[in-house]
Amino acid sequence: MLNPATLRLVLFISCAHALVHIYELSLPSVEQELTAEFTASKVSDNRQEGTVNSSNQNDQKKMSGLLGSCWRLPWGFGALVAGWLVDRFGSHRMLAIYLVGCSVTCAMVATVQTVPLLFVSMFSMGAFASIYHPAGLALISHSTTSENRSYALGIHGIFGSVGIGGAPLLAGAVLSWGMAWREYYVILAVPGLLFGILFAAKRGRDYEKVVENPSANFEEARQVDWACYFVLTFVAMLCGILYSAFLHFLPRYLTNMEWTGTSLFEAGRFKFFAGAILLVGCFGQYLSGSIARARILEKQLACIVLLQVPCLLGMGLATGPWRLLAASCFAFIHFMNQPIYNSLVAKYTPRRRRSLSYGFSFAAGLGVGGLGTAVAGTVQSDLLFYAGLACICLLAAGLCGILVRWSGVKQE
């Protein structure tokens, strides 16, 4: 369990974690409305009647995929630079910069009128958001032991899942109130600015009280294992492709689903369904953080990754309301990997290079993984798309098997 000081720190950082995933899911939550506006010149007159021709739908999906990758590439690769900056300037300063930067870029997105400036704004937001994980995760790992770290990361992950699920829920509410996607981004700019000021005002004093606490800093002596770390990073890269492709196109996956004879897109309810599905990940995060055990983390990660394969195949085959169940199952299993994965990064890397290690890991997982949205935007068949993701997942499970094998040899 966590002592009160550490728990307060974890909760405070976790609020920033929820926000970074709200910013991450801001584009997927309104990508159909946004791309419809910027491809308006190609839309047939039938759109006024509630229909869009197939060619324009393809154009919108391609543009959406490119925008998604434009956001995710700096979000991933920027984490490597952010990790170095965190080691140099401290977590609290970098967290304040991330929050204020995302607030400013949300305001930029809300006012842009041209496609090039839209891409620049999305790229900038992804770059500022890249700061969070090296700063927040390193701070949590420094403040916990190998025994309670997964529990703390489970709490941290629950807040992240709340942010992931909250973004489409908020978007659905904003649009149902008669506002447009631009107003949605204006609303998102407010909490980032407020929390950024709060982090800056802390000046690191609260962090230092916890980080310098010997009982919080105590960790069992262990040998750094760079070989396992780099294999784990490849697993992160493959899972990052699943993560980005699933999240970015989940609302679109639900759009054409019929519910009591009414298209979810026409009713505007698909965003609420998407948010509810993503909130299921909270339960996966909690369960994972509760059952994680330091000696068998590799086996637990391998099982979780492998269980995603039938879920992905189910998503490809599902039709109608069954899509809700298939997507919910995948969300529950997929988000279980995060507390365990982040615990393994801390297990394999030295304390003095923890921020940089998290940064490199997220550069692979979220940077290279961010290419998944651009590729996904060119695949029109759901069955082919999710079957391809299942193959990627099998490869990731195989790499997890290598970690299980190596960890077993060392324990012997």
Protein backbone atom coordinates (compact mmCIF):
# COMPACT_ATOMS: atom_id res chain seq x y z
CA MET A 1 0.00 0.00 0.00
CA LEU A 2 0.96 3.65 -0.32
CA ASN A 3 1.66 6.02 2.55
CA PRO A 4 -0.47 9.22 2.61
CA ALA A 5 2.23 11.49 1.18
CA THR A 6 2.92 9.15 -1.73
CA LEU A 7 -0.80 8.65 -2.37
CA ARG A 8 -1.35 12.41 -2.57
CA LEU A 9 1.51 12.72 -5.03
CA VAL A 10 0.21 9.86 -7.18
CA LEU A 11 -3.29 11.36 -7.28
CA PHE A 12 -1.96 14.81 -8.16
CA ILE A 13 0.16 13.47 -11.02
CA SER A 14 -2.69 11.21 -12.13
CA CYS A 15 -4.88 14.26 -12.77
CA ALA A 16 -2.28 15.43 -15.29
CA HIS A 17 -2.32 11.91 -16.73
CA ALA A 18 -6.07 12.09 -17.28
CA LEU A 19 -5.65 15.40 -19.09
CA VAL A 20 -2.93 14.15 -21.44
CA HIS A 21 -5.22 11.37 -22.63
CA ILE A 22 -8.10 13.79 -23.04
CA TYR A 23 -5.83 15.80 -25.34
CA GLU A 24 -4.77 12.60 -27.08
CA LEU A 25 -8.38 11.58 -27.71
CA SER A 26 -9.55 15.07 -28.60
CA LEU A 27 -8.96 14.53 -32.32
CA PRO A 28 -10.43 11.00 -32.52
CA SER A 29 -13.49 12.26 -30.65
CA VAL A 30 -14.35 14.86 -33.31
CA GLU A 31 -12.38 13.67 -36.33
CA GLN A 32 -15.49 13.08 -38.43
CA GLU A 33 -16.86 16.57 -37.86
CA LEU A 34 -13.44 18.17 -38.29
CA THR A 35 -12.50 16.38 -41.49
CA ALA A 36 -15.99 16.98 -42.92
CA GLU A 37 -15.42 20.72 -42.57
CA PHE A 38 -11.97 20.71 -44.14
CA THR A 39 -13.03 18.47 -47.03
CA ALA A 40 -16.30 20.34 -47.57
CA SER A 41 -15.41 21.26 -51.15
CA LYS A 42 -15.46 17.57 -52.09
CA VAL A 43 -18.76 16.77 -50.44
CA SER A 44 -21.74 16.14 -52.68
CA ASP A 45 -24.98 18.01 -52.24
CA ASN A 46 -26.40 14.85 -50.75
CA ARG A 47 -24.69 15.70 -47.45
CA GLN A 48 -27.47 18.16 -46.76
CA GLU A 49 -29.77 15.15 -46.75
CA GLY A 50 -27.60 13.28 -44.26
CA THR A 51 -25.65 11.15 -46.74
CA VAL A 52 -22.05 11.32 -47.87
CA ASN A 53 -20.72 9.68 -51.00
CA SER A 54 -18.25 6.85 -50.64
CA SER A 55 -15.39 8.76 -52.25
CA ASN A 56 -15.65 11.61 -49.78
CA GLN A 57 -15.83 9.22 -46.84
CA ASN A 58 -12.55 7.71 -48.00
CA ASP A 59 -11.00 11.18 -48.33
CA GLN A 60 -12.09 12.06 -44.82
CA LYS A 61 -10.72 8.84 -43.35
CA LYS A 62 -7.36 9.34 -45.08
CA MET A 63 -7.11 12.92 -43.84
CA SER A 64 -8.09 11.79 -40.36
CA GLY A 65 -5.40 9.12 -40.38
CA LEU A 66 -2.73 11.61 -41.47
CA LEU A 67 -3.81 14.10 -38.80
CA GLY A 68 -3.70 11.33 -36.22
CA SER A 69 -0.14 10.41 -37.16
CA CYS A 70 0.84 14.09 -37.24
CA TRP A 71 -0.29 14.32 -33.60
CA ARG A 72 1.10 10.98 -32.50
CA LEU A 73 4.57 11.09 -34.05
CA PRO A 74 5.79 14.04 -31.92
CA TRP A 75 3.79 12.65 -28.99
CA GLY A 76 5.89 9.52 -29.21
CA PHE A 77 9.31 10.61 -30.48
CA GLY A 78 9.21 13.82 -28.44
CA ALA A 79 9.16 11.67 -25.29
CA LEU A 80 12.83 10.82 -25.88
CA VAL A 81 13.85 14.48 -25.78
CA ALA A 82 11.42 15.10 -22.93
CA GLY A 83 13.04 12.33 -20.87
CA TRP A 84 16.43 14.04 -21.18
CA LEU A 85 14.91 17.41 -20.26
CA VAL A 86 13.15 15.94 -17.22
CA ASP A 87 16.43 14.52 -15.93
CA ARG A 88 17.97 17.95 -16.39
CA PHE A 89 15.25 20.37 -15.23
CA GLY A 90 12.97 18.30 -13.02
CA SER A 91 9.48 16.86 -13.37
CA HIS A 92 7.42 19.69 -11.92
CA ARG A 93 8.73 22.32 -14.36
CA MET A 94 8.27 20.05 -17.35
CA LEU A 95 4.76 19.06 -16.29
CA ALA A 96 3.81 22.74 -16.09
CA ILE A 97 5.20 23.33 -19.59
CA TYR A 98 3.25 20.36 -20.96
CA LEU A 99 -0.04 21.58 -19.51
CA VAL A 100 0.26 25.21 -20.58
CA GLY A 101 1.55 24.18 -24.01
CA CYS A 102 -1.40 21.87 -24.64
CA SER A 103 -3.78 24.59 -23.50
CA VAL A 104 -2.31 27.08 -25.98
CA THR A 105 -2.34 24.62 -28.88
CA CYS A 106 -5.97 23.67 -28.17
CA ALA A 107 -6.81 27.34 -28.60
CA MET A 108 -4.84 27.30 -31.87
CA VAL A 109 -6.81 24.33 -33.21
CA ALA A 110 -10.06 26.07 -32.33
CA THR A 111 -9.18 29.06 -34.53
CA VAL A 112 -7.33 27.62 -37.57
CA GLN A 113 -8.91 28.04 -40.99
CA THR A 114 -6.47 26.22 -43.29
CA VAL A 115 -5.32 22.62 -43.51
CA PRO A 116 -1.56 23.39 -43.19
CA LEU A 117 -2.12 25.36 -39.96
CA LEU A 118 -4.32 22.55 -38.67
CA PHE A 119 -1.47 20.08 -39.15
CA VAL A 120 0.99 22.48 -37.47
CA SER A 121 -1.33 22.89 -34.48
CA MET A 122 -1.81 19.13 -34.10
CA PHE A 123 1.93 18.53 -34.37
CA SER A 124 2.61 21.17 -31.69
CA MET A 125 0.02 19.72 -29.32
CA GLY A 126 1.53 16.26 -29.70
CA ALA A 127 4.98 17.66 -28.94
CA PHE A 128 3.86 19.32 -25.70
CA ALA A 129 1.88 16.22 -24.68
CA SER A 130 5.01 14.08 -25.15
CA ILE A 131 6.45 15.59 -21.98
CA TYR A 132 3.94 13.98 -19.66
CA HIS A 133 4.88 10.30 -19.54
CA PRO A 134 8.65 10.63 -18.97
CA ALA A 135 7.98 13.23 -16.26
CA GLY A 136 4.98 11.67 -14.53
CA LEU A 137 6.00 8.02 -14.66
CA ALA A 138 9.58 8.66 -13.55
CA LEU A 139 8.33 10.66 -10.58
CA ILE A 140 5.97 7.87 -9.54
CA SER A 141 8.63 5.18 -9.99
CA HIS A 142 11.09 7.16 -7.84
CA SER A 143 8.50 7.50 -5.09
CA THR A 144 7.50 3.84 -4.82
CA THR A 145 9.06 0.45 -4.16
CA SER A 146 9.03 -2.63 -6.36
CA GLU A 147 6.23 -4.03 -4.20
CA ASN A 148 3.79 -1.12 -4.35
CA ARG A 149 4.78 0.42 -7.68
CA SER A 150 2.30 -1.57 -9.76
CA TYR A 151 -0.50 -0.57 -7.39
CA ALA A 152 0.44 3.10 -7.76
CA LEU A 153 0.66 2.71 -11.52
CA GLY A 154 -2.75 1.04 -11.48
CA ILE A 155 -4.23 4.16 -9.85
CA HIS A 156 -2.33 6.27 -12.35
CA GLY A 157 -3.70 4.13 -15.17
CA ILE A 158 -7.29 4.42 -13.94
CA PHE A 159 -7.07 8.20 -14.24
CA GLY A 160 -5.61 7.77 -17.72
CA SER A 161 -8.53 5.57 -18.74
CA VAL A 162 -10.96 8.14 -17.31
CA GLY A 163 -9.32 10.70 -19.58
CA ILE A 164 -9.45 8.36 -22.57
CA GLY A 165 -13.12 7.62 -22.02
CA GLY A 166 -13.97 11.15 -20.93
CA ALA A 167 -12.81 12.80 -24.17
CA PRO A 168 -15.49 11.29 -26.45
CA LEU A 169 -18.11 11.65 -23.70
CA LEU A 170 -17.33 15.35 -23.43
CA ALA A 171 -17.32 15.67 -27.21
CA GLY A 172 -20.71 13.97 -27.42
CA ALA A 173 -22.11 16.31 -24.78
CA VAL A 174 -20.70 19.43 -26.45
CA LEU A 175 -22.05 18.47 -29.87
CA SER A 176 -25.44 17.47 -28.48
CA TRP A 177 -25.71 20.92 -26.88
CA GLY A 178 -25.54 22.46 -30.32
CA MET A 179 -21.89 23.53 -30.21
CA ALA A 180 -19.28 22.63 -32.83
CA TRP A 181 -15.92 20.90 -32.65
CA ARG A 182 -14.15 24.27 -32.37
CA GLU A 183 -15.95 25.05 -29.12
CA TYR A 184 -14.89 21.63 -27.89
CA TYR A 185 -11.23 22.61 -28.24
CA VAL A 186 -11.88 25.94 -26.50
CA ILE A 187 -13.28 24.03 -23.52
CA LEU A 188 -10.23 21.72 -23.46
CA ALA A 189 -7.88 24.70 -23.26
CA VAL A 190 -9.23 25.72 -19.82
CA PRO A 191 -8.18 22.82 -17.51
CA GLY A 192 -4.69 22.66 -19.03
CA LEU A 193 -4.07 26.30 -18.21
CA LEU A 194 -5.41 25.97 -14.66
CA PHE A 195 -3.45 22.80 -13.85
CA GLY A 196 -0.34 24.24 -15.48
CA ILE A 197 -0.45 27.22 -13.14
CA LEU A 198 -1.01 24.89 -10.20
CA PHE A 199 2.01 22.72 -11.10
CA ALA A 200 4.19 25.79 -11.60
CA ALA A 201 3.11 27.18 -8.22
CA LYS A 202 4.15 23.99 -6.44
CA ARG A 203 7.81 24.73 -7.27
CA GLY A 204 8.67 21.09 -6.62
CA ARG A 205 8.43 21.29 -2.81
CA ASP A 206 5.74 18.64 -2.48
CA TYR A 207 7.57 16.32 -4.86
CA GLU A 208 10.85 16.58 -3.00
CA LYS A 209 9.24 15.67 0.32
CA VAL A 210 8.20 12.34 -1.15
CA VAL A 211 11.17 11.68 -3.42
CA GLU A 212 13.65 12.29 -0.61
CA ASN A 213 11.77 10.04 1.80
CA PRO A 214 14.03 7.00 2.37
CA SER A 215 11.10 4.66 2.94
CA ALA A 216 9.60 5.74 -0.38
CA ASN A 217 12.90 5.48 -2.19
CA PHE A 218 13.90 2.08 -0.86
CA GLU A 219 14.25 -0.46 -3.65
CA GLU A 220 15.61 -3.96 -3.63
CA ALA A 221 19.04 -4.34 -5.13
CA ARG A 222 18.78 -5.63 -8.68
CA GLN A 223 20.85 -5.88 -11.81
CA VAL A 224 19.99 -3.55 -14.67
CA ASP A 225 18.95 -5.55 -17.73
CA TRP A 226 19.22 -3.56 -20.96
CA ALA A 227 18.61 -6.59 -23.19
CA CYS A 228 15.19 -7.19 -21.63
CA TYR A 229 14.47 -3.48 -21.75
CA PHE A 230 15.03 -3.28 -25.50
CA VAL A 231 12.89 -6.37 -26.14
CA LEU A 232 10.21 -4.74 -23.99
CA THR A 233 10.54 -1.61 -26.11
CA PHE A 234 9.78 -3.64 -29.26
CA VAL A 235 6.69 -4.97 -27.51
CA ALA A 236 5.72 -1.36 -26.77
CA MET A 237 6.15 -0.44 -30.42
CA LEU A 238 3.84 -3.21 -31.61
CA CYS A 239 1.26 -2.56 -28.90
CA GLY A 240 1.46 1.13 -29.73
CA ILE A 241 0.23 0.37 -33.24
CA LEU A 242 -2.77 -1.46 -31.75
CA TYR A 243 -3.38 1.34 -29.29
CA SER A 244 -3.29 4.22 -31.77
CA ALA A 245 -5.33 2.46 -34.46
CA PHE A 246 -7.99 1.27 -31.99
CA LEU A 247 -8.44 4.62 -30.26
CA HIS A 248 -8.37 6.83 -33.33
CA PHE A 249 -11.00 4.95 -35.29
CA LEU A 250 -13.22 3.62 -32.49
CA PRO A 251 -15.98 6.25 -33.00
CA ARG A 252 -15.89 5.57 -36.75
CA TYR A 253 -16.02 1.81 -36.03
CA LEU A 254 -19.28 2.38 -34.17
CA THR A 255 -20.74 4.93 -36.60
CA ASN A 256 -22.37 2.51 -39.04
CA MET A 257 -23.69 0.23 -36.34
CA GLU A 258 -27.47 0.06 -36.35
CA TRP A 259 -29.28 0.37 -33.05
CA THR A 260 -33.06 -0.14 -33.04
CA GLY A 261 -33.14 0.92 -36.67
CA THR A 262 -31.34 4.24 -36.14
CA SER A 263 -27.81 5.00 -37.22
CA LEU A 264 -25.65 5.96 -34.26
CA PHE A 265 -24.07 8.67 -36.39
CA GLU A 266 -27.44 10.28 -37.11
CA ALA A 267 -28.41 10.14 -33.45
CA GLY A 268 -25.00 11.45 -32.33
CA ARG A 269 -24.86 8.67 -29.75
CA PHE A 270 -21.82 6.88 -31.08
CA LYS A 271 -19.49 9.20 -29.12
CA PHE A 272 -21.18 8.27 -25.85
CA PHE A 273 -20.84 4.59 -26.71
CA ALA A 274 -17.17 5.12 -27.56
CA GLY A 275 -16.59 6.88 -24.24
CA ALA A 276 -18.34 4.13 -22.30
CA ILE A 277 -16.26 1.46 -24.03
CA LEU A 278 -13.02 3.26 -23.24
CA LEU A 279 -14.04 3.71 -19.60
CA VAL A 280 -14.14 -0.09 -19.37
CA GLY A 281 -10.35 0.20 -19.49
CA CYS A 282 -10.48 1.62 -15.94
CA PHE A 283 -11.50 -1.79 -14.62
CA GLY A 284 -8.68 -3.43 -16.56
CA GLN A 285 -6.17 -0.98 -15.11
CA TYR A 286 -7.42 -1.57 -11.57
CA LEU A 287 -7.41 -5.36 -11.91
CA SER A 288 -3.93 -5.34 -13.42
CA GLY A 289 -2.49 -3.10 -10.72
CA SER A 290 -4.05 -5.29 -8.04
CA ILE A 291 -2.85 -8.65 -9.33
CA ALA A 292 0.62 -7.56 -10.50
CA ARG A 293 3.47 -9.35 -8.73
CA ALA A 294 7.09 -8.33 -9.14
CA ARG A 295 8.41 -11.87 -9.70
CA ILE A 296 5.99 -12.80 -12.50
CA LEU A 297 5.45 -9.50 -14.33
CA GLU A 298 6.76 -10.97 -17.59
CA LYS A 299 4.30 -13.88 -17.53
CA GLN A 300 1.42 -11.57 -16.72
CA LEU A 301 2.28 -9.26 -19.62
CA ALA A 302 2.55 -12.20 -22.03
CA CYS A 303 -0.90 -13.50 -21.04
CA ILE A 304 -2.50 -10.07 -21.39
CA VAL A 305 -1.02 -9.45 -24.84
CA LEU A 306 -2.05 -12.90 -26.08
CA LEU A 307 -5.63 -12.47 -24.84
CA GLN A 308 -6.02 -9.44 -27.10
CA VAL A 309 -5.82 -11.59 -30.25
CA PRO A 310 -9.34 -13.14 -30.04
CA CYS A 311 -10.72 -9.73 -29.06
CA LEU A 312 -9.32 -8.14 -32.23
CA LEU A 313 -10.64 -10.96 -34.41
CA GLY A 314 -14.01 -10.52 -32.75
CA MET A 315 -13.98 -6.81 -33.59
CA GLY A 316 -13.33 -7.62 -37.24
CA LEU A 317 -16.21 -10.09 -37.41
CA ALA A 318 -18.73 -8.30 -35.21
CA THR A 319 -21.75 -6.52 -36.66
CA GLY A 320 -24.54 -4.49 -35.13
CA PRO A 321 -24.68 -4.30 -31.31
CA TRP A 322 -22.05 -7.07 -31.07
CA ARG A 323 -19.49 -4.38 -31.92
CA LEU A 324 -20.09 -2.84 -28.51
CA LEU A 325 -19.23 -6.11 -26.76
CA ALA A 326 -16.20 -6.86 -28.94
CA ALA A 327 -14.72 -3.38 -28.49
CA SER A 328 -15.41 -3.43 -24.74
CA CYS A 329 -13.61 -6.76 -24.32
CA PHE A 330 -10.59 -5.46 -26.19
CA ALA A 331 -10.50 -2.24 -24.15
CA PHE A 332 -10.65 -4.17 -20.88
CA ILE A 333 -7.80 -6.53 -21.81
CA HIS A 334 -5.64 -4.01 -23.68
CA PHE A 335 -5.44 -1.47 -20.86
CA MET A 336 -4.41 -4.16 -18.38
CA ASN A 337 -0.93 -4.13 -19.89
CA GLN A 338 -0.04 -0.57 -18.84
CA PRO A 339 0.63 -0.94 -15.07
CA ILE A 340 2.62 -4.11 -15.69
CA TYR A 341 4.54 -2.72 -18.66
CA ASN A 342 5.50 0.47 -16.81
CA SER A 343 6.59 -1.61 -13.80
CA LEU A 344 8.86 -3.64 -16.07
CA VAL A 345 10.53 -0.50 -17.44
CA ALA A 346 11.39 0.46 -13.85
CA LYS A 347 12.58 -3.10 -13.16
CA TYR A 348 15.01 -3.21 -16.07
CA THR A 349 16.48 0.31 -15.95
CA PRO A 350 18.73 2.27 -13.55
CA ARG A 351 17.14 4.84 -11.30
CA ARG A 352 19.33 7.71 -12.53
CA ARG A 353 18.22 7.12 -16.15
CA ARG A 354 14.57 6.40 -15.42
CA SER A 355 13.09 9.47 -17.17
CA LEU A 356 15.19 8.89 -20.28
CA SER A 357 14.28 5.19 -20.25
CA TYR A 358 10.58 5.95 -20.12
CA GLY A 359 11.12 8.56 -22.82
CA PHE A 360 12.82 6.11 -25.19
CA SER A 361 10.16 3.49 -24.49
CA PHE A 362 7.33 5.87 -25.27
CA ALA A 363 9.16 7.13 -28.34
CA ALA A 364 8.97 3.60 -29.71
CA GLY A 365 5.49 2.79 -28.46
CA LEU A 366 3.75 6.04 -29.25
CA GLY A 367 6.03 7.40 -31.97
CA VAL A 368 6.45 4.39 -34.24
CA GLY A 369 3.08 3.15 -33.03
CA GLY A 370 1.56 6.43 -34.15
CA LEU A 371 2.08 5.37 -37.76
CA GLY A 372 -0.78 2.94 -37.22
CA THR A 373 -3.39 5.64 -37.80
CA ALA A 374 -1.99 6.65 -41.20
CA VAL A 375 -1.89 3.02 -42.35
CA ALA A 376 -5.32 2.31 -40.89
CA GLY A 377 -6.76 5.23 -42.81
CA THR A 378 -6.06 3.44 -46.09
CA VAL A 379 -7.73 0.14 -45.09
CA GLN A 380 -11.47 0.24 -45.71
CA SER A 381 -12.34 -3.33 -44.68
CA ASP A 382 -12.87 -3.78 -40.92
CA LEU A 383 -12.21 -7.51 -41.16
CA LEU A 384 -8.87 -7.02 -42.92
CA PHE A 385 -7.92 -4.17 -40.60
CA TYR A 386 -8.52 -5.99 -37.30
CA ALA A 387 -7.13 -9.28 -38.59
CA GLY A 388 -3.92 -7.41 -39.40
CA LEU A 389 -3.85 -5.97 -35.88
CA ALA A 390 -4.32 -9.49 -34.48
CA CYS A 391 -1.21 -10.64 -36.38
CA ILE A 392 0.78 -7.75 -34.90
CA CYS A 393 -0.49 -8.74 -31.47
CA LEU A 394 0.70 -12.33 -31.97
CA LEU A 395 4.18 -11.04 -32.77
CA ALA A 396 4.16 -8.94 -29.59
CA ALA A 397 3.10 -12.00 -27.58
CA GLY A 398 6.06 -13.90 -29.03
CA LEU A 399 8.45 -11.19 -27.82
CA CYS A 400 6.83 -11.36 -24.38
CA GLY A 401 7.59 -15.08 -24.44
CA ILE A 402 11.28 -14.20 -24.83
CA LEU A 403 11.07 -12.03 -21.70
CA VAL A 404 9.42 -14.90 -19.81
CA ARG A 405 12.20 -17.24 -20.90
CA TRP A 406 15.00 -14.87 -19.95
CA SER A 407 13.47 -14.02 -16.58
CA GLY A 408 13.05 -17.73 -15.81
CA VAL A 409 16.71 -18.43 -16.59
CA LYS A 410 17.86 -15.63 -14.29
CA GLN A 411 15.68 -16.81 -11.43
CA GLU A 412 17.16 -20.29 -11.75
